[in-house]
Every structure is written in structure tokens, then in C-alpha cells.
Amino acid sequence: MATIPEVLWAQRSSQSEADKNLIYLTINAIDVTSPDVTITPTSLSYKGTSASGKEYAVDLEFFDEIDVENSKRTITGRDAFFILRKKEAKEEFWPRLVKDKRKVHYIKTDFDKWVDEDEQETAPGDDFAGYGGGMDFSSLQSELGSAMGGLGGAGMPPTGPSSFGLNEDSDDDEEELPELVDDQKGDEAEEAETEE
């Protein structure tokens, strides 16, 4: 019997821009290199076998129709990622991914890609550039460096004795410790008190 893989999803909607009516769908099936994927306007079927022989299968009947011709997919050794374009340009989000109103345990919200309906206009670009997120890590590093005052201290305040106004070589804070009491003398004093 085939295992149902985890399905993550997020969406965007726009009444005026068709290319912003999207469903982001990820099927997590590890080591499946050549899955059998069938996409229709109302459904997606995924079947595959991993290198270790584990079988995965999931069938999704979408809440509403998608535009198959303008949808994209990327298959990696870790998962299958789909950008599915919704057929109708609507401002409202789909209330769920599938037609079935029951909660399905393997379908989860992809919070890495999720944007609330009222925040989607201010959301960063949705160009996932070949499923790498479209991130430019060199610019991210330079932005972090400038935000933290350079990479010298990574934005952290200095630490150590000198940051507290103390001189590491100073012996001013050392005090003379009292002499240790000889335990034998202490024991004799206790015995004298108990004899009285």
C-alpha cells in the first residue's frame, strides 16, 4: 500500500492580474526522481517510488479549477513543487485546497509562502525562480551586514572586562582572604561546649 505524502500549500489572489492568482503546492516525497504526475483543471494525481522502494501516492480534487497550460512544476529528489494558476481571477482566497470540507491530515498550510489576503499587495515578489525562492543570498548578506554595523562584531556589543570599565591586569579588586580555621581546633571547641 502506498504512503500518502505530506502536501503543503499556499495561495495568492488578484481580480485584476491573472498571473497573481496562484496556488503554491509542495508534495514531500523523498528520493522520488521520476513520479507519475497528472494535472487536470480539477485535480492532481501524484504517484512515485523512492530509491529505497517506498511507494507514494496522492490524489487531490481541487476546490476550484486551475489553468493547466499556465501552471509550472519542478521535481527534485526531495519533493515536487507546483505553481498552479487559478482559472478564475478572483480577489477572494479559496477557503481550502480541496473540494472535500473535511480536514485532511496530510494537507497543511505552507507558512513559508503564505500571505494573508489583506497583505498580499505588500508581500514580496512571488518569483520562486526555479524553486530556489528567487533569493539573492549575496545581497541578503550585505543587507544584514549593513543593518548590523558591519560583520566585524556581527552587530553585537563588545564583551569582556574592558566593556565594563575594568582593566584585565588590575589587581585592585583582589582582597585578602581570612586564614582558614583548623578543623581540629573547631572540633575541640564543639566538644567543650557539649560537656558544659
N, C-alpha and C. Protein backbone atom coordinates (compact mmCIF):
# COMPACT_ATOMS: atom_id res chain seq x y z
N MET A 1 0.84 -1.19 0.00
CA MET A 1 0.00 0.00 0.00
C MET A 1 0.88 1.25 0.00
N ALA A 2 0.52 2.22 -0.78
CA ALA A 2 1.30 3.45 -0.94
C ALA A 2 1.07 4.39 0.24
N THR A 3 2.13 5.11 0.59
CA THR A 3 2.08 6.12 1.63
C THR A 3 1.59 7.44 1.02
N ILE A 4 0.73 8.14 1.76
CA ILE A 4 0.28 9.46 1.31
C ILE A 4 1.32 10.47 1.77
N PRO A 5 1.96 11.20 0.86
CA PRO A 5 2.97 12.17 1.27
C PRO A 5 2.34 13.44 1.84
N GLU A 6 3.14 14.19 2.58
CA GLU A 6 2.69 15.48 3.11
C GLU A 6 2.52 16.45 1.94
N VAL A 7 1.42 17.20 1.96
CA VAL A 7 1.13 18.19 0.93
C VAL A 7 1.06 19.56 1.60
N LEU A 8 1.91 20.48 1.17
CA LEU A 8 1.92 21.85 1.69
C LEU A 8 1.36 22.77 0.62
N TRP A 9 0.59 23.78 1.04
CA TRP A 9 0.04 24.70 0.05
C TRP A 9 -0.11 26.11 0.60
N ALA A 10 -0.07 27.06 -0.32
CA ALA A 10 -0.32 28.48 -0.04
C ALA A 10 -0.93 29.05 -1.30
N GLN A 11 -1.43 30.27 -1.23
CA GLN A 11 -2.09 30.84 -2.40
C GLN A 11 -1.98 32.36 -2.45
N ARG A 12 -2.24 32.90 -3.63
CA ARG A 12 -2.37 34.33 -3.86
C ARG A 12 -3.61 34.52 -4.74
N SER A 13 -4.21 35.70 -4.66
CA SER A 13 -5.38 36.01 -5.49
C SER A 13 -5.35 37.46 -5.92
N SER A 14 -5.83 37.68 -7.13
CA SER A 14 -5.95 39.04 -7.65
C SER A 14 -7.02 39.03 -8.72
N GLN A 15 -7.94 39.96 -8.61
CA GLN A 15 -9.01 40.04 -9.60
C GLN A 15 -8.51 40.66 -10.91
N SER A 16 -7.53 41.55 -10.81
CA SER A 16 -7.08 42.27 -12.00
C SER A 16 -5.86 41.64 -12.68
N GLU A 17 -5.03 40.89 -11.96
CA GLU A 17 -3.81 40.32 -12.54
C GLU A 17 -3.88 38.79 -12.49
N ALA A 18 -4.05 38.18 -13.64
CA ALA A 18 -4.19 36.72 -13.72
C ALA A 18 -2.94 35.99 -13.23
N ASP A 19 -1.76 36.59 -13.45
CA ASP A 19 -0.53 35.91 -13.04
C ASP A 19 -0.30 35.96 -11.52
N LYS A 20 -1.20 36.60 -10.79
CA LYS A 20 -1.11 36.62 -9.33
C LYS A 20 -2.21 35.77 -8.68
N ASN A 21 -2.88 34.96 -9.48
CA ASN A 21 -3.88 34.01 -8.98
C ASN A 21 -3.23 32.64 -8.95
N LEU A 22 -2.53 32.34 -7.88
CA LEU A 22 -1.70 31.16 -7.84
C LEU A 22 -1.95 30.27 -6.63
N ILE A 23 -1.67 29.00 -6.82
CA ILE A 23 -1.61 28.03 -5.73
C ILE A 23 -0.17 27.51 -5.72
N TYR A 24 0.50 27.59 -4.58
CA TYR A 24 1.82 27.01 -4.41
C TYR A 24 1.61 25.67 -3.71
N LEU A 25 2.04 24.60 -4.34
CA LEU A 25 1.79 23.26 -3.84
C LEU A 25 3.10 22.49 -3.80
N THR A 26 3.41 21.90 -2.65
CA THR A 26 4.60 21.08 -2.50
C THR A 26 4.19 19.71 -2.00
N ILE A 27 4.65 18.68 -2.68
CA ILE A 27 4.41 17.30 -2.25
C ILE A 27 5.75 16.75 -1.77
N ASN A 28 5.85 16.48 -0.48
CA ASN A 28 7.10 15.99 0.10
C ASN A 28 7.19 14.47 0.00
N ALA A 29 7.95 14.01 -0.97
CA ALA A 29 8.20 12.58 -1.18
C ALA A 29 9.69 12.44 -1.47
N ILE A 30 10.43 11.94 -0.50
CA ILE A 30 11.89 11.90 -0.58
C ILE A 30 12.37 10.80 -1.52
N ASP A 31 13.37 11.14 -2.32
CA ASP A 31 14.06 10.23 -3.25
C ASP A 31 13.19 9.70 -4.38
N VAL A 32 12.11 10.39 -4.70
CA VAL A 32 11.30 10.01 -5.87
C VAL A 32 11.79 10.89 -7.01
N THR A 33 12.45 10.28 -7.98
CA THR A 33 13.06 11.08 -9.05
C THR A 33 12.19 11.21 -10.29
N SER A 34 11.36 10.22 -10.57
CA SER A 34 10.51 10.27 -11.77
C SER A 34 9.07 9.90 -11.43
N PRO A 35 8.37 10.77 -10.71
CA PRO A 35 6.99 10.43 -10.36
C PRO A 35 6.06 10.55 -11.56
N ASP A 36 4.94 9.87 -11.47
CA ASP A 36 3.90 9.98 -12.47
C ASP A 36 2.93 11.06 -11.99
N VAL A 37 2.90 12.20 -12.66
CA VAL A 37 2.07 13.32 -12.25
C VAL A 37 1.07 13.62 -13.36
N THR A 38 -0.21 13.68 -12.99
CA THR A 38 -1.26 14.03 -13.92
C THR A 38 -2.01 15.23 -13.36
N ILE A 39 -2.03 16.31 -14.15
CA ILE A 39 -2.74 17.53 -13.72
C ILE A 39 -3.87 17.79 -14.70
N THR A 40 -5.07 17.94 -14.16
CA THR A 40 -6.24 18.32 -14.96
C THR A 40 -6.76 19.64 -14.38
N PRO A 41 -7.72 20.28 -15.02
CA PRO A 41 -8.26 21.53 -14.46
C PRO A 41 -8.87 21.36 -13.06
N THR A 42 -9.27 20.15 -12.70
CA THR A 42 -9.93 19.96 -11.40
C THR A 42 -9.17 19.07 -10.44
N SER A 43 -8.02 18.49 -10.87
CA SER A 43 -7.34 17.55 -9.97
C SER A 43 -5.86 17.43 -10.25
N LEU A 44 -5.17 16.82 -9.30
CA LEU A 44 -3.76 16.48 -9.45
C LEU A 44 -3.58 15.08 -8.89
N SER A 45 -2.89 14.24 -9.63
CA SER A 45 -2.59 12.88 -9.19
C SER A 45 -1.08 12.72 -9.18
N TYR A 46 -0.55 12.19 -8.08
CA TYR A 46 0.90 12.01 -7.92
C TYR A 46 1.15 10.58 -7.47
N LYS A 47 2.03 9.88 -8.19
CA LYS A 47 2.42 8.52 -7.82
C LYS A 47 3.91 8.39 -8.09
N GLY A 48 4.62 7.76 -7.17
CA GLY A 48 6.05 7.57 -7.38
C GLY A 48 6.62 6.58 -6.39
N THR A 49 7.80 6.07 -6.73
CA THR A 49 8.50 5.11 -5.87
C THR A 49 9.89 5.68 -5.59
N SER A 50 10.28 5.65 -4.32
CA SER A 50 11.59 6.19 -3.93
C SER A 50 12.68 5.17 -4.28
N ALA A 51 13.93 5.59 -4.16
CA ALA A 51 15.07 4.73 -4.45
C ALA A 51 15.09 3.51 -3.53
N SER A 52 14.53 3.67 -2.32
CA SER A 52 14.50 2.56 -1.37
C SER A 52 13.29 1.65 -1.56
N GLY A 53 12.42 1.96 -2.53
CA GLY A 53 11.27 1.13 -2.82
C GLY A 53 9.97 1.56 -2.16
N LYS A 54 9.99 2.67 -1.43
CA LYS A 54 8.78 3.17 -0.77
C LYS A 54 7.87 3.83 -1.80
N GLU A 55 6.60 3.44 -1.80
CA GLU A 55 5.64 3.98 -2.76
C GLU A 55 4.87 5.14 -2.14
N TYR A 56 4.70 6.20 -2.94
CA TYR A 56 3.93 7.37 -2.54
C TYR A 56 2.81 7.58 -3.54
N ALA A 57 1.65 8.02 -3.05
CA ALA A 57 0.53 8.33 -3.95
C ALA A 57 -0.43 9.28 -3.25
N VAL A 58 -0.92 10.25 -4.01
CA VAL A 58 -1.93 11.17 -3.50
C VAL A 58 -2.76 11.69 -4.68
N ASP A 59 -4.05 11.79 -4.47
CA ASP A 59 -4.97 12.35 -5.45
C ASP A 59 -5.69 13.52 -4.81
N LEU A 60 -5.64 14.67 -5.46
CA LEU A 60 -6.27 15.88 -4.94
C LEU A 60 -7.32 16.37 -5.92
N GLU A 61 -8.53 16.58 -5.45
CA GLU A 61 -9.58 17.19 -6.26
C GLU A 61 -9.69 18.64 -5.78
N PHE A 62 -9.30 19.58 -6.62
CA PHE A 62 -9.19 20.98 -6.23
C PHE A 62 -10.54 21.60 -5.90
N PHE A 63 -10.50 22.63 -5.05
CA PHE A 63 -11.69 23.38 -4.66
C PHE A 63 -12.33 24.03 -5.88
N ASP A 64 -11.50 24.55 -6.78
CA ASP A 64 -11.98 25.20 -7.99
C ASP A 64 -11.02 24.83 -9.12
N GLU A 65 -11.29 25.30 -10.32
CA GLU A 65 -10.48 24.92 -11.47
C GLU A 65 -9.17 25.70 -11.54
N ILE A 66 -8.16 25.05 -12.16
CA ILE A 66 -6.88 25.69 -12.41
C ILE A 66 -6.63 25.73 -13.92
N ASP A 67 -5.68 26.57 -14.32
CA ASP A 67 -5.28 26.69 -15.72
C ASP A 67 -4.04 25.81 -15.90
N VAL A 68 -4.21 24.63 -16.45
CA VAL A 68 -3.13 23.64 -16.57
C VAL A 68 -2.00 24.15 -17.46
N GLU A 69 -2.33 24.81 -18.56
CA GLU A 69 -1.32 25.27 -19.53
C GLU A 69 -0.38 26.32 -18.94
N ASN A 70 -0.85 27.12 -18.01
CA ASN A 70 -0.02 28.18 -17.42
C ASN A 70 0.50 27.80 -16.04
N SER A 71 0.46 26.54 -15.70
CA SER A 71 0.99 26.06 -14.43
C SER A 71 2.38 25.49 -14.65
N LYS A 72 3.18 25.47 -13.58
CA LYS A 72 4.57 25.01 -13.67
C LYS A 72 4.83 23.96 -12.60
N ARG A 73 5.87 23.15 -12.83
CA ARG A 73 6.26 22.16 -11.83
C ARG A 73 7.77 21.96 -11.85
N THR A 74 8.30 21.60 -10.68
CA THR A 74 9.71 21.28 -10.53
C THR A 74 9.80 20.04 -9.65
N ILE A 75 10.49 19.02 -10.14
CA ILE A 75 10.65 17.78 -9.39
C ILE A 75 12.10 17.71 -8.92
N THR A 76 12.30 17.52 -7.62
CA THR A 76 13.65 17.36 -7.06
C THR A 76 13.69 16.01 -6.34
N GLY A 77 14.82 15.67 -5.82
CA GLY A 77 14.95 14.43 -5.06
C GLY A 77 14.25 14.48 -3.72
N ARG A 78 13.84 15.65 -3.30
CA ARG A 78 13.19 15.79 -2.00
C ARG A 78 11.68 15.97 -2.11
N ASP A 79 11.24 16.65 -3.18
CA ASP A 79 9.81 16.95 -3.29
C ASP A 79 9.43 17.32 -4.72
N ALA A 80 8.15 17.54 -4.89
CA ALA A 80 7.62 18.05 -6.16
C ALA A 80 6.95 19.38 -5.85
N PHE A 81 7.33 20.42 -6.57
CA PHE A 81 6.81 21.76 -6.31
C PHE A 81 6.02 22.23 -7.52
N PHE A 82 4.83 22.73 -7.28
CA PHE A 82 3.94 23.18 -8.36
C PHE A 82 3.51 24.62 -8.11
N ILE A 83 3.48 25.40 -9.18
CA ILE A 83 2.84 26.71 -9.16
C ILE A 83 1.66 26.58 -10.10
N LEU A 84 0.47 26.49 -9.52
CA LEU A 84 -0.75 26.26 -10.29
C LEU A 84 -1.52 27.57 -10.42
N ARG A 85 -1.83 27.97 -11.62
CA ARG A 85 -2.58 29.20 -11.82
C ARG A 85 -4.07 28.92 -11.72
N LYS A 86 -4.76 29.70 -10.90
CA LYS A 86 -6.22 29.55 -10.78
C LYS A 86 -6.86 29.99 -12.09
N LYS A 87 -7.93 29.31 -12.48
CA LYS A 87 -8.59 29.62 -13.75
C LYS A 87 -9.34 30.94 -13.69
N GLU A 88 -10.08 31.17 -12.61
CA GLU A 88 -10.85 32.41 -12.47
C GLU A 88 -10.08 33.42 -11.65
N ALA A 89 -10.02 34.65 -12.16
CA ALA A 89 -9.37 35.74 -11.43
C ALA A 89 -10.36 36.30 -10.41
N LYS A 90 -10.13 35.97 -9.16
CA LYS A 90 -10.98 36.45 -8.07
C LYS A 90 -10.10 37.07 -7.00
N GLU A 91 -10.66 38.04 -6.31
CA GLU A 91 -9.93 38.68 -5.21
C GLU A 91 -9.90 37.77 -3.98
N GLU A 92 -10.94 36.95 -3.81
CA GLU A 92 -11.06 36.11 -2.62
C GLU A 92 -10.15 34.88 -2.71
N PHE A 93 -9.63 34.48 -1.58
CA PHE A 93 -8.86 33.24 -1.48
C PHE A 93 -9.81 32.04 -1.55
N TRP A 94 -9.29 30.91 -1.97
CA TRP A 94 -10.04 29.67 -1.82
C TRP A 94 -10.11 29.36 -0.34
N PRO A 95 -11.23 28.89 0.17
CA PRO A 95 -11.31 28.58 1.59
C PRO A 95 -10.48 27.35 1.99
N ARG A 96 -10.16 26.50 1.01
CA ARG A 96 -9.37 25.29 1.24
C ARG A 96 -8.83 24.83 -0.11
N LEU A 97 -7.89 23.93 -0.09
CA LEU A 97 -7.28 23.43 -1.32
C LEU A 97 -8.19 22.47 -2.08
N VAL A 98 -8.87 21.60 -1.36
CA VAL A 98 -9.67 20.56 -2.00
C VAL A 98 -11.17 20.79 -1.80
N LYS A 99 -11.97 20.11 -2.64
CA LYS A 99 -13.43 20.24 -2.55
C LYS A 99 -13.98 19.72 -1.22
N ASP A 100 -13.42 18.62 -0.76
CA ASP A 100 -13.90 17.98 0.46
C ASP A 100 -13.75 18.92 1.65
N LYS A 101 -14.83 19.12 2.40
CA LYS A 101 -14.82 20.05 3.53
C LYS A 101 -14.16 19.47 4.77
N ARG A 102 -13.98 18.15 4.78
CA ARG A 102 -13.37 17.52 5.95
C ARG A 102 -11.88 17.87 6.04
N LYS A 103 -11.36 17.96 7.25
CA LYS A 103 -9.94 18.21 7.47
C LYS A 103 -9.16 16.96 7.05
N VAL A 104 -8.16 17.15 6.22
CA VAL A 104 -7.34 16.04 5.75
C VAL A 104 -5.98 16.17 6.41
N HIS A 105 -5.54 15.12 7.09
CA HIS A 105 -4.34 15.20 7.92
C HIS A 105 -3.05 15.45 7.15
N TYR A 106 -2.97 15.11 5.90
CA TYR A 106 -1.72 15.25 5.16
C TYR A 106 -1.62 16.58 4.40
N ILE A 107 -2.70 17.38 4.37
CA ILE A 107 -2.66 18.69 3.72
C ILE A 107 -2.46 19.75 4.79
N LYS A 108 -1.37 20.52 4.63
CA LYS A 108 -1.00 21.52 5.62
C LYS A 108 -0.69 22.85 4.93
N THR A 109 -0.83 23.92 5.68
CA THR A 109 -0.51 25.25 5.17
C THR A 109 1.00 25.41 5.09
N ASP A 110 1.49 25.94 3.99
CA ASP A 110 2.91 26.23 3.82
C ASP A 110 3.14 27.66 4.29
N PHE A 111 3.50 27.80 5.55
CA PHE A 111 3.65 29.13 6.14
C PHE A 111 4.86 29.88 5.60
N ASP A 112 5.79 29.21 4.95
CA ASP A 112 6.91 29.90 4.31
C ASP A 112 6.46 30.72 3.11
N LYS A 113 5.36 30.32 2.50
CA LYS A 113 4.86 31.02 1.31
C LYS A 113 3.53 31.71 1.55
N TRP A 114 2.91 31.47 2.67
CA TRP A 114 1.57 32.00 2.94
C TRP A 114 1.61 33.51 3.18
N VAL A 115 0.61 34.20 2.64
CA VAL A 115 0.39 35.62 2.89
C VAL A 115 -1.10 35.79 3.12
N ASP A 116 -1.46 36.57 4.15
CA ASP A 116 -2.88 36.82 4.39
C ASP A 116 -3.48 37.60 3.23
N GLU A 117 -4.80 37.43 3.06
CA GLU A 117 -5.50 38.09 1.95
C GLU A 117 -5.27 39.59 1.94
N ASP A 118 -5.35 40.22 3.10
CA ASP A 118 -5.23 41.68 3.15
C ASP A 118 -3.78 42.16 3.07
N GLU A 119 -2.81 41.27 3.07
CA GLU A 119 -1.41 41.66 3.00
C GLU A 119 -0.74 41.28 1.69
N GLN A 120 -1.46 40.68 0.77
CA GLN A 120 -0.81 40.16 -0.43
C GLN A 120 -0.29 41.25 -1.36
N GLU A 121 -0.85 42.44 -1.31
CA GLU A 121 -0.36 43.52 -2.17
C GLU A 121 1.01 44.02 -1.71
N THR A 122 1.29 43.92 -0.41
CA THR A 122 2.56 44.38 0.13
C THR A 122 3.56 43.24 0.29
N ALA A 123 3.17 42.04 -0.10
CA ALA A 123 4.06 40.87 0.04
C ALA A 123 5.21 40.98 -0.95
N PRO A 124 6.37 40.40 -0.58
CA PRO A 124 7.48 40.40 -1.53
C PRO A 124 7.12 39.62 -2.78
N GLY A 125 7.90 39.78 -3.82
CA GLY A 125 7.63 39.12 -5.10
C GLY A 125 7.45 37.62 -4.96
N ASP A 126 6.66 37.08 -5.85
CA ASP A 126 6.35 35.66 -5.80
C ASP A 126 7.17 34.86 -6.81
N ASP A 127 8.23 35.43 -7.31
CA ASP A 127 9.04 34.72 -8.29
C ASP A 127 9.94 33.75 -7.54
N PHE A 128 9.61 32.48 -7.62
CA PHE A 128 10.38 31.49 -6.90
C PHE A 128 11.53 30.95 -7.75
N ALA A 129 11.75 31.54 -8.91
CA ALA A 129 12.91 31.29 -9.78
C ALA A 129 13.42 29.86 -9.70
N GLY A 130 12.65 28.97 -10.24
CA GLY A 130 13.13 27.59 -10.31
C GLY A 130 13.19 26.93 -8.96
N TYR A 131 12.32 27.33 -8.06
CA TYR A 131 12.19 26.72 -6.74
C TYR A 131 13.39 26.98 -5.86
N GLY A 132 14.07 28.07 -6.07
CA GLY A 132 15.12 28.46 -5.15
C GLY A 132 14.65 29.63 -4.32
N GLY A 133 13.40 30.00 -4.47
CA GLY A 133 12.87 31.11 -3.72
C GLY A 133 13.20 32.45 -4.34
N GLY A 134 14.03 32.45 -5.40
CA GLY A 134 14.39 33.68 -6.05
C GLY A 134 15.25 34.57 -5.15
N MET A 135 15.84 34.00 -4.12
CA MET A 135 16.62 34.79 -3.18
C MET A 135 18.03 35.03 -3.71
N ASP A 136 18.52 36.21 -3.51
CA ASP A 136 19.88 36.56 -3.85
C ASP A 136 20.63 36.62 -2.52
N PHE A 137 21.34 35.55 -2.19
CA PHE A 137 21.96 35.45 -0.88
C PHE A 137 23.10 36.45 -0.71
N SER A 138 23.75 36.87 -1.78
CA SER A 138 24.82 37.85 -1.64
C SER A 138 24.25 39.20 -1.21
N SER A 139 23.11 39.58 -1.76
CA SER A 139 22.50 40.85 -1.34
C SER A 139 21.94 40.73 0.07
N LEU A 140 21.45 39.55 0.42
CA LEU A 140 20.95 39.34 1.78
C LEU A 140 22.08 39.52 2.79
N GLN A 141 23.24 38.96 2.48
CA GLN A 141 24.38 39.07 3.39
C GLN A 141 24.82 40.52 3.54
N SER A 142 24.86 41.27 2.44
CA SER A 142 25.27 42.66 2.53
C SER A 142 24.24 43.49 3.28
N GLU A 143 22.95 43.17 3.10
CA GLU A 143 21.90 43.88 3.84
C GLU A 143 22.02 43.60 5.33
N LEU A 144 22.26 42.35 5.68
CA LEU A 144 22.41 42.01 7.10
C LEU A 144 23.65 42.69 7.68
N GLY A 145 24.73 42.70 6.90
CA GLY A 145 25.95 43.32 7.38
C GLY A 145 25.76 44.80 7.65
N SER A 146 25.09 45.51 6.77
CA SER A 146 24.89 46.94 6.96
C SER A 146 23.90 47.20 8.09
N ALA A 147 22.92 46.33 8.25
CA ALA A 147 21.94 46.51 9.32
C ALA A 147 22.56 46.27 10.68
N MET A 148 23.63 45.47 10.71
CA MET A 148 24.25 45.14 12.00
C MET A 148 25.56 45.90 12.20
N GLY A 149 25.80 46.90 11.38
CA GLY A 149 27.00 47.71 11.57
C GLY A 149 28.25 47.02 11.07
N GLY A 150 28.16 46.23 10.05
CA GLY A 150 29.32 45.52 9.52
C GLY A 150 29.41 44.15 10.15
N LEU A 151 30.26 43.32 9.59
CA LEU A 151 30.38 41.97 10.10
C LEU A 151 31.44 41.84 11.17
N GLY A 152 32.17 42.92 11.47
CA GLY A 152 33.23 42.84 12.46
C GLY A 152 32.76 42.24 13.76
N GLY A 153 31.70 42.75 14.33
CA GLY A 153 31.18 42.21 15.57
C GLY A 153 29.80 41.65 15.38
N ALA A 154 29.40 41.49 14.16
CA ALA A 154 28.07 40.97 13.81
C ALA A 154 26.97 41.70 14.56
N GLY A 155 27.20 43.01 14.83
CA GLY A 155 26.17 43.80 15.45
C GLY A 155 26.05 43.60 16.95
N MET A 156 26.95 42.83 17.52
CA MET A 156 26.89 42.55 18.96
C MET A 156 27.73 43.58 19.71
N PRO A 157 27.31 43.98 20.91
CA PRO A 157 28.12 44.90 21.70
C PRO A 157 29.38 44.20 22.19
N PRO A 158 30.43 44.97 22.47
CA PRO A 158 31.65 44.33 22.95
C PRO A 158 31.41 43.69 24.31
N THR A 159 32.13 42.61 24.55
CA THR A 159 32.02 41.92 25.83
C THR A 159 33.40 41.76 26.42
N GLY A 160 33.44 41.38 27.66
CA GLY A 160 34.71 41.19 28.35
C GLY A 160 34.89 42.26 29.41
N PRO A 161 35.94 42.14 30.21
CA PRO A 161 36.16 43.08 31.33
C PRO A 161 36.29 44.52 30.89
N SER A 162 36.93 44.77 29.73
CA SER A 162 37.13 46.15 29.30
C SER A 162 35.81 46.83 28.96
N SER A 163 34.77 46.08 28.55
CA SER A 163 33.50 46.70 28.22
C SER A 163 32.75 47.16 29.47
N PHE A 164 33.19 46.70 30.64
CA PHE A 164 32.56 47.12 31.90
C PHE A 164 33.43 48.12 32.65
N GLY A 165 34.46 48.65 31.98
CA GLY A 165 35.32 49.63 32.60
C GLY A 165 36.36 49.00 33.52
N LEU A 166 36.59 47.74 33.37
CA LEU A 166 37.57 47.05 34.21
C LEU A 166 38.82 46.79 33.39
N ASN A 167 39.96 46.82 34.07
CA ASN A 167 41.23 46.53 33.44
C ASN A 167 41.56 45.07 33.77
N GLU A 168 41.82 44.28 32.74
CA GLU A 168 42.07 42.86 32.97
C GLU A 168 43.30 42.63 33.84
N ASP A 169 44.28 43.51 33.77
CA ASP A 169 45.52 43.32 34.53
C ASP A 169 45.46 43.90 35.93
N SER A 170 44.39 44.57 36.28
CA SER A 170 44.29 45.23 37.57
C SER A 170 44.09 44.22 38.69
N ASP A 171 44.82 44.42 39.79
CA ASP A 171 44.67 43.56 40.97
C ASP A 171 43.94 44.29 42.08
N ASP A 172 43.34 45.46 41.76
CA ASP A 172 42.66 46.27 42.77
C ASP A 172 41.46 45.56 43.38
N ASP A 173 40.82 44.69 42.63
CA ASP A 173 39.62 44.06 43.14
C ASP A 173 39.90 42.83 43.98
N GLU A 174 41.19 42.46 44.11
CA GLU A 174 41.51 41.29 44.92
C GLU A 174 41.62 41.70 46.39
N GLU A 175 40.95 40.98 47.25
CA GLU A 175 41.00 41.24 48.69
C GLU A 175 41.74 40.11 49.37
N GLU A 176 42.26 40.42 50.53
CA GLU A 176 42.92 39.39 51.33
C GLU A 176 41.85 38.51 51.93
N LEU A 177 42.02 37.22 51.80
CA LEU A 177 41.07 36.28 52.37
C LEU A 177 41.48 35.95 53.80
N PRO A 178 40.54 35.72 54.68
CA PRO A 178 40.90 35.36 56.07
C PRO A 178 41.55 33.98 56.10
N GLU A 179 42.34 33.76 57.17
CA GLU A 179 43.01 32.48 57.33
C GLU A 179 41.98 31.39 57.55
N LEU A 180 42.28 30.20 57.07
CA LEU A 180 41.40 29.07 57.28
C LEU A 180 41.49 28.60 58.73
N VAL A 181 40.37 28.19 59.27
CA VAL A 181 40.33 27.69 60.64
C VAL A 181 40.71 26.23 60.61
N ASP A 182 41.57 25.84 61.56
CA ASP A 182 41.99 24.45 61.64
C ASP A 182 40.81 23.63 62.14
N ASP A 183 40.43 22.58 61.40
CA ASP A 183 39.26 21.77 61.74
C ASP A 183 39.41 21.10 63.10
N GLN A 184 40.65 20.75 63.50
CA GLN A 184 40.84 20.10 64.80
C GLN A 184 40.47 21.03 65.93
N LYS A 185 40.88 22.29 65.84
CA LYS A 185 40.56 23.26 66.88
C LYS A 185 39.06 23.47 66.94
N GLY A 186 38.41 23.47 65.80
CA GLY A 186 36.96 23.65 65.74
C GLY A 186 36.25 22.48 66.40
N ASP A 187 36.72 21.24 66.19
CA ASP A 187 36.11 20.06 66.79
C ASP A 187 36.26 20.08 68.30
N GLU A 188 37.45 20.52 68.81
CA GLU A 188 37.67 20.59 70.26
C GLU A 188 36.74 21.61 70.90
N ALA A 189 36.50 22.73 70.23
CA ALA A 189 35.62 23.76 70.77
C ALA A 189 34.20 23.24 70.86
N GLU A 190 33.76 22.46 69.86
CA GLU A 190 32.41 21.89 69.89
C GLU A 190 32.27 20.90 71.03
N GLU A 191 33.32 20.07 71.30
CA GLU A 191 33.26 19.09 72.38
C GLU A 191 33.18 19.79 73.74
N ALA A 192 33.91 20.90 73.89
CA ALA A 192 33.90 21.65 75.16
C ALA A 192 32.52 22.22 75.41
N GLU A 193 31.84 22.70 74.36
CA GLU A 193 30.52 23.25 74.55
C GLU A 193 29.53 22.18 74.93
N THR A 194 29.64 20.97 74.36
CA THR A 194 28.69 19.91 74.68
C THR A 194 28.91 19.34 76.07
N GLU A 195 30.16 19.40 76.65
CA GLU A 195 30.43 18.90 78.00
C GLU A 195 29.84 19.81 79.03
N GLU A 196 29.72 21.05 78.79
CA GLU A 196 29.21 22.02 79.76
C GLU A 196 27.80 21.86 79.98
